[in-house]
């Protein structure tokens, strides 16, 4: 199953700051912390808390978010299904990166240990 160009464009133009509160709600609802969420985001993107807050404040798109990110060398190890798609099978690089982030947040919310999530 592959994404359509329309879906890819919609994801690219989505503002990170509009999705971030949903990540927070999802992990806190499952008794995980914002610190753990930030650790997962930093592992994937290289962004520390200060950089993350700046991007939230500037309301950047996912396209800009991942253009500025330094993707973890082990990100390719993120596999599985998210939103009905096999992450590793998504052809569009930006959409795959956004789904990597979604998958990591999902794993955190499901109680997976940080060490396993970080795939080191």
N, C-alpha and C. Protein backbone atom coordinates (compact mmCIF):
# COMPACT_ATOMS: atom_id res chain seq x y z
N UNK A 1 0.86 -1.19 0.00
CA UNK A 1 0.00 0.00 0.00
C UNK A 1 0.89 1.24 0.00
N UNK A 2 0.67 2.11 -0.95
CA UNK A 2 1.50 3.30 -1.05
C UNK A 2 0.65 4.55 -0.90
N UNK A 3 1.30 5.61 -0.48
CA UNK A 3 0.60 6.89 -0.31
C UNK A 3 0.41 7.55 -1.66
N UNK A 4 -0.57 8.44 -1.74
CA UNK A 4 -0.81 9.19 -2.98
C UNK A 4 -0.03 10.50 -2.91
N UNK A 5 0.23 11.11 -4.07
CA UNK A 5 0.90 12.43 -4.06
C UNK A 5 0.13 13.46 -3.24
N UNK A 6 -1.19 13.36 -3.26
CA UNK A 6 -2.02 14.30 -2.49
C UNK A 6 -1.79 14.12 -0.98
N UNK A 7 -1.73 12.84 -0.56
CA UNK A 7 -1.47 12.56 0.87
C UNK A 7 -0.08 13.07 1.26
N UNK A 8 0.90 12.81 0.41
CA UNK A 8 2.27 13.25 0.69
C UNK A 8 2.34 14.77 0.82
N UNK A 9 1.65 15.48 -0.06
CA UNK A 9 1.66 16.94 -0.03
C UNK A 9 0.95 17.46 1.22
N UNK A 10 -0.14 16.82 1.59
CA UNK A 10 -0.88 17.23 2.79
C UNK A 10 0.00 17.07 4.04
N UNK A 11 0.72 15.96 4.11
CA UNK A 11 1.62 15.73 5.25
C UNK A 11 2.74 16.76 5.25
N UNK A 12 3.32 17.04 4.09
CA UNK A 12 4.43 17.99 3.98
C UNK A 12 4.03 19.37 4.49
N UNK A 13 2.81 19.79 4.20
CA UNK A 13 2.34 21.13 4.56
C UNK A 13 1.73 21.22 5.96
N UNK A 14 1.58 20.08 6.62
CA UNK A 14 1.03 20.07 7.97
C UNK A 14 2.01 20.76 8.93
N UNK A 15 1.49 21.58 9.82
CA UNK A 15 2.32 22.32 10.77
C UNK A 15 2.64 21.42 11.97
N UNK A 16 3.92 21.28 12.26
CA UNK A 16 4.36 20.42 13.37
C UNK A 16 3.68 20.83 14.67
N UNK A 17 3.57 22.12 14.93
CA UNK A 17 2.97 22.62 16.18
C UNK A 17 1.51 22.21 16.32
N UNK A 18 0.83 21.91 15.22
CA UNK A 18 -0.57 21.49 15.30
C UNK A 18 -0.68 20.01 15.67
N UNK A 19 0.36 19.24 15.42
CA UNK A 19 0.35 17.80 15.71
C UNK A 19 0.98 17.52 17.08
N UNK A 20 1.97 18.31 17.45
CA UNK A 20 2.71 18.10 18.70
C UNK A 20 1.80 17.93 19.92
N UNK A 21 0.77 18.76 20.13
CA UNK A 21 -0.10 18.57 21.30
C UNK A 21 -0.78 17.19 21.31
N UNK A 22 -1.04 16.64 20.14
CA UNK A 22 -1.64 15.30 20.06
C UNK A 22 -0.64 14.24 20.51
N UNK A 23 0.63 14.44 20.17
CA UNK A 23 1.68 13.53 20.65
C UNK A 23 1.73 13.57 22.18
N UNK A 24 1.72 14.78 22.73
CA UNK A 24 1.79 14.96 24.18
C UNK A 24 0.60 14.27 24.85
N UNK A 25 -0.59 14.53 24.35
CA UNK A 25 -1.81 13.93 24.92
C UNK A 25 -1.73 12.41 24.86
N UNK A 26 -1.30 11.88 23.73
CA UNK A 26 -1.23 10.44 23.55
C UNK A 26 -0.30 9.78 24.56
N UNK A 27 0.89 10.36 24.75
CA UNK A 27 1.83 9.73 25.68
C UNK A 27 1.45 9.95 27.14
N UNK A 28 0.94 11.14 27.46
CA UNK A 28 0.57 11.41 28.86
C UNK A 28 -0.63 10.57 29.28
N UNK A 29 -1.53 10.31 28.36
CA UNK A 29 -2.71 9.48 28.65
C UNK A 29 -2.28 8.08 29.08
N UNK A 30 -1.12 7.65 28.59
CA UNK A 30 -0.59 6.32 28.91
C UNK A 30 0.50 6.38 29.98
N UNK A 31 0.50 7.49 30.74
CA UNK A 31 1.43 7.66 31.88
C UNK A 31 2.89 7.73 31.46
N UNK A 32 3.15 8.25 30.26
CA UNK A 32 4.51 8.52 29.85
C UNK A 32 4.71 10.03 29.97
N UNK A 33 5.96 10.50 29.89
CA UNK A 33 6.24 11.91 30.15
C UNK A 33 6.63 12.67 28.88
N UNK A 34 6.52 13.99 28.99
CA UNK A 34 6.98 14.86 27.90
C UNK A 34 8.49 14.69 27.72
N UNK A 35 9.21 14.47 28.80
CA UNK A 35 10.66 14.27 28.71
C UNK A 35 10.96 13.03 27.87
N UNK A 36 10.18 11.96 28.06
CA UNK A 36 10.39 10.75 27.25
C UNK A 36 10.04 11.03 25.78
N UNK A 37 8.97 11.77 25.56
CA UNK A 37 8.59 12.14 24.20
C UNK A 37 9.71 12.92 23.53
N UNK A 38 10.27 13.89 24.25
CA UNK A 38 11.35 14.71 23.70
C UNK A 38 12.60 13.87 23.43
N UNK A 39 12.85 12.90 24.28
CA UNK A 39 14.00 12.01 24.09
C UNK A 39 13.85 11.22 22.79
N UNK A 40 12.65 10.75 22.53
CA UNK A 40 12.37 9.99 21.31
C UNK A 40 12.50 10.90 20.08
N UNK A 41 11.96 12.11 20.17
CA UNK A 41 12.05 13.06 19.06
C UNK A 41 13.51 13.43 18.81
N UNK A 42 14.26 13.66 19.89
CA UNK A 42 15.68 14.02 19.73
C UNK A 42 16.46 12.86 19.10
N UNK A 43 16.15 11.63 19.51
CA UNK A 43 16.84 10.48 18.93
C UNK A 43 16.63 10.44 17.41
N UNK A 44 15.39 10.66 16.98
CA UNK A 44 15.09 10.58 15.55
C UNK A 44 15.64 11.77 14.76
N UNK A 45 15.51 12.97 15.31
CA UNK A 45 15.79 14.20 14.54
C UNK A 45 17.06 14.94 14.91
N UNK A 46 17.55 14.73 16.13
CA UNK A 46 18.70 15.48 16.61
C UNK A 46 18.32 16.79 17.29
N UNK A 47 17.03 17.14 17.32
CA UNK A 47 16.59 18.40 17.92
C UNK A 47 16.52 18.30 19.44
N UNK A 48 17.17 19.23 20.13
CA UNK A 48 17.06 19.29 21.59
C UNK A 48 15.80 20.07 21.97
N UNK A 49 15.53 20.19 23.26
CA UNK A 49 14.30 20.86 23.73
C UNK A 49 14.19 22.30 23.21
N UNK A 50 15.30 23.03 23.23
CA UNK A 50 15.29 24.42 22.80
C UNK A 50 14.96 24.54 21.31
N UNK A 51 15.58 23.70 20.49
CA UNK A 51 15.32 23.71 19.06
C UNK A 51 13.87 23.30 18.77
N UNK A 52 13.41 22.32 19.49
CA UNK A 52 12.03 21.84 19.31
C UNK A 52 11.03 22.95 19.62
N UNK A 53 11.25 23.64 20.74
CA UNK A 53 10.36 24.74 21.11
C UNK A 53 10.38 25.86 20.08
N UNK A 54 11.54 26.14 19.54
CA UNK A 54 11.67 27.18 18.51
C UNK A 54 10.83 26.82 17.29
N UNK A 55 10.88 25.56 16.88
CA UNK A 55 10.11 25.13 15.72
C UNK A 55 8.60 25.14 15.99
N UNK A 56 8.24 24.84 17.21
CA UNK A 56 6.83 24.92 17.60
C UNK A 56 6.37 26.37 17.54
N UNK A 57 7.18 27.26 18.12
CA UNK A 57 6.84 28.69 18.13
C UNK A 57 6.75 29.28 16.72
N UNK A 58 7.62 28.82 15.84
CA UNK A 58 7.65 29.33 14.47
C UNK A 58 6.61 28.68 13.56
N UNK A 59 5.92 27.67 14.09
CA UNK A 59 4.87 26.98 13.34
C UNK A 59 5.35 26.48 11.98
N UNK A 60 6.47 25.76 12.01
CA UNK A 60 7.03 25.24 10.76
C UNK A 60 6.28 23.99 10.31
N UNK A 61 6.36 23.72 9.03
CA UNK A 61 5.72 22.54 8.46
C UNK A 61 6.61 21.31 8.70
N UNK A 62 6.01 20.13 8.51
CA UNK A 62 6.80 18.91 8.60
C UNK A 62 7.90 18.90 7.54
N UNK A 63 7.63 19.50 6.40
CA UNK A 63 8.63 19.58 5.34
C UNK A 63 9.88 20.30 5.84
N UNK A 64 9.71 21.45 6.47
CA UNK A 64 10.83 22.22 7.03
C UNK A 64 11.43 21.50 8.23
N UNK A 65 10.57 20.94 9.07
CA UNK A 65 11.01 20.22 10.26
C UNK A 65 12.04 19.15 9.88
N UNK A 66 11.69 18.31 8.91
CA UNK A 66 12.60 17.22 8.54
C UNK A 66 13.72 17.68 7.62
N UNK A 67 13.56 18.80 6.95
CA UNK A 67 14.66 19.36 6.15
C UNK A 67 15.79 19.79 7.09
N UNK A 68 15.42 20.29 8.28
CA UNK A 68 16.41 20.76 9.25
C UNK A 68 16.91 19.65 10.18
N UNK A 69 16.27 18.50 10.14
CA UNK A 69 16.63 17.40 11.04
C UNK A 69 17.86 16.65 10.54
N UNK A 70 18.57 16.07 11.49
CA UNK A 70 19.63 15.12 11.18
C UNK A 70 19.09 13.76 11.59
N UNK A 71 18.57 13.03 10.62
CA UNK A 71 17.91 11.76 10.90
C UNK A 71 18.89 10.76 11.48
N UNK A 72 18.49 10.09 12.54
CA UNK A 72 19.33 9.09 13.19
C UNK A 72 19.72 8.00 12.20
N UNK A 73 20.96 7.57 12.27
CA UNK A 73 21.46 6.55 11.34
C UNK A 73 20.71 5.23 11.45
N UNK A 74 20.04 4.99 12.59
CA UNK A 74 19.29 3.75 12.78
C UNK A 74 17.79 3.91 12.52
N UNK A 75 17.39 5.04 11.97
CA UNK A 75 15.96 5.28 11.71
C UNK A 75 15.38 4.22 10.78
N UNK A 76 16.20 3.71 9.87
CA UNK A 76 15.72 2.68 8.93
C UNK A 76 15.26 1.41 9.65
N UNK A 77 15.64 1.27 10.91
CA UNK A 77 15.24 0.09 11.69
C UNK A 77 13.80 0.20 12.22
N UNK A 78 13.19 1.35 12.04
CA UNK A 78 11.80 1.54 12.47
C UNK A 78 10.91 0.86 11.44
N UNK A 79 10.21 -0.17 11.89
CA UNK A 79 9.34 -0.92 11.00
C UNK A 79 7.99 -1.13 11.66
N UNK A 80 7.06 -1.60 10.88
CA UNK A 80 5.74 -1.88 11.41
C UNK A 80 4.69 -1.03 10.71
N UNK A 81 3.48 -1.12 11.24
CA UNK A 81 2.34 -0.44 10.62
C UNK A 81 1.92 0.76 11.44
N UNK A 82 1.64 1.85 10.74
CA UNK A 82 1.09 3.05 11.37
C UNK A 82 0.12 3.67 10.37
N UNK A 83 -1.06 3.99 10.83
CA UNK A 83 -2.10 4.58 9.97
C UNK A 83 -2.39 3.72 8.74
N UNK A 84 -2.27 2.41 8.90
CA UNK A 84 -2.59 1.49 7.82
C UNK A 84 -1.49 1.28 6.80
N UNK A 85 -0.32 1.85 7.03
CA UNK A 85 0.79 1.73 6.10
C UNK A 85 1.98 1.05 6.77
N UNK A 86 2.69 0.21 6.04
CA UNK A 86 3.95 -0.34 6.54
C UNK A 86 4.98 0.77 6.39
N UNK A 87 5.53 1.21 7.49
CA UNK A 87 6.45 2.35 7.50
C UNK A 87 7.60 2.15 6.52
N UNK A 88 8.19 0.97 6.57
CA UNK A 88 9.36 0.71 5.74
C UNK A 88 9.04 0.65 4.24
N UNK A 89 7.77 0.56 3.88
CA UNK A 89 7.37 0.46 2.47
C UNK A 89 6.94 1.80 1.88
N UNK A 90 6.89 2.84 2.68
CA UNK A 90 6.47 4.15 2.17
C UNK A 90 7.59 4.71 1.31
N UNK A 91 7.27 5.02 0.06
CA UNK A 91 8.29 5.45 -0.90
C UNK A 91 8.70 6.91 -0.73
N UNK A 92 7.75 7.79 -0.43
CA UNK A 92 8.08 9.21 -0.29
C UNK A 92 8.93 9.41 0.97
N UNK A 93 10.16 9.92 0.85
CA UNK A 93 11.05 10.04 2.00
C UNK A 93 10.49 10.90 3.14
N UNK A 94 9.85 12.02 2.81
CA UNK A 94 9.31 12.88 3.86
C UNK A 94 8.16 12.18 4.59
N UNK A 95 7.25 11.60 3.84
CA UNK A 95 6.13 10.89 4.47
C UNK A 95 6.64 9.76 5.35
N UNK A 96 7.67 9.03 4.89
CA UNK A 96 8.25 7.95 5.68
C UNK A 96 8.82 8.51 6.99
N UNK A 97 9.49 9.65 6.95
CA UNK A 97 10.07 10.24 8.16
C UNK A 97 8.98 10.67 9.14
N UNK A 98 7.92 11.26 8.63
CA UNK A 98 6.81 11.65 9.51
C UNK A 98 6.21 10.40 10.16
N UNK A 99 6.06 9.34 9.39
CA UNK A 99 5.50 8.10 9.93
C UNK A 99 6.48 7.43 10.90
N UNK A 100 7.78 7.61 10.69
CA UNK A 100 8.75 7.15 11.68
C UNK A 100 8.44 7.79 13.03
N UNK A 101 8.25 9.10 13.00
CA UNK A 101 7.95 9.83 14.24
C UNK A 101 6.65 9.34 14.85
N UNK A 102 5.62 9.18 14.02
CA UNK A 102 4.34 8.67 14.51
C UNK A 102 4.51 7.30 15.16
N UNK A 103 5.31 6.45 14.53
CA UNK A 103 5.53 5.08 15.03
C UNK A 103 6.25 5.12 16.38
N UNK A 104 7.25 5.98 16.52
CA UNK A 104 7.97 6.08 17.79
C UNK A 104 7.06 6.58 18.90
N UNK A 105 6.23 7.56 18.61
CA UNK A 105 5.29 8.09 19.60
C UNK A 105 4.30 6.99 19.99
N UNK A 106 3.84 6.23 19.01
CA UNK A 106 2.92 5.13 19.26
C UNK A 106 3.56 4.07 20.17
N UNK A 107 4.80 3.72 19.89
CA UNK A 107 5.51 2.74 20.71
C UNK A 107 5.67 3.25 22.15
N UNK A 108 5.98 4.52 22.30
CA UNK A 108 6.12 5.12 23.62
C UNK A 108 4.79 5.03 24.37
N UNK A 109 3.71 5.39 23.70
CA UNK A 109 2.39 5.37 24.32
C UNK A 109 1.95 3.95 24.67
N UNK A 110 2.43 2.97 23.94
CA UNK A 110 2.05 1.58 24.21
C UNK A 110 2.89 0.94 25.31
N UNK A 111 3.81 1.73 25.88
CA UNK A 111 4.56 1.23 27.02
C UNK A 111 5.87 0.55 26.69
N UNK A 112 6.30 0.62 25.45
CA UNK A 112 7.57 0.01 25.08
C UNK A 112 8.71 0.73 25.79
N UNK A 113 9.72 -0.01 26.19
CA UNK A 113 10.86 0.56 26.90
C UNK A 113 11.64 1.49 25.96
N UNK A 114 12.10 2.61 26.54
CA UNK A 114 12.85 3.62 25.78
C UNK A 114 14.04 2.96 25.05
N UNK A 115 14.75 2.06 25.70
CA UNK A 115 15.92 1.42 25.10
C UNK A 115 15.54 0.70 23.81
N UNK A 116 14.37 0.09 23.79
CA UNK A 116 13.91 -0.63 22.59
C UNK A 116 13.46 0.35 21.51
N UNK A 117 12.80 1.44 21.93
CA UNK A 117 12.32 2.44 20.99
C UNK A 117 13.49 3.08 20.25
N UNK A 118 14.57 3.34 20.97
CA UNK A 118 15.71 4.07 20.40
C UNK A 118 16.59 3.23 19.47
N UNK A 119 16.38 1.92 19.44
CA UNK A 119 17.02 1.04 18.45
C UNK A 119 18.53 1.28 18.32
N UNK A 120 19.20 1.24 19.43
CA UNK A 120 20.66 1.48 19.38
C UNK A 120 21.46 0.23 19.52
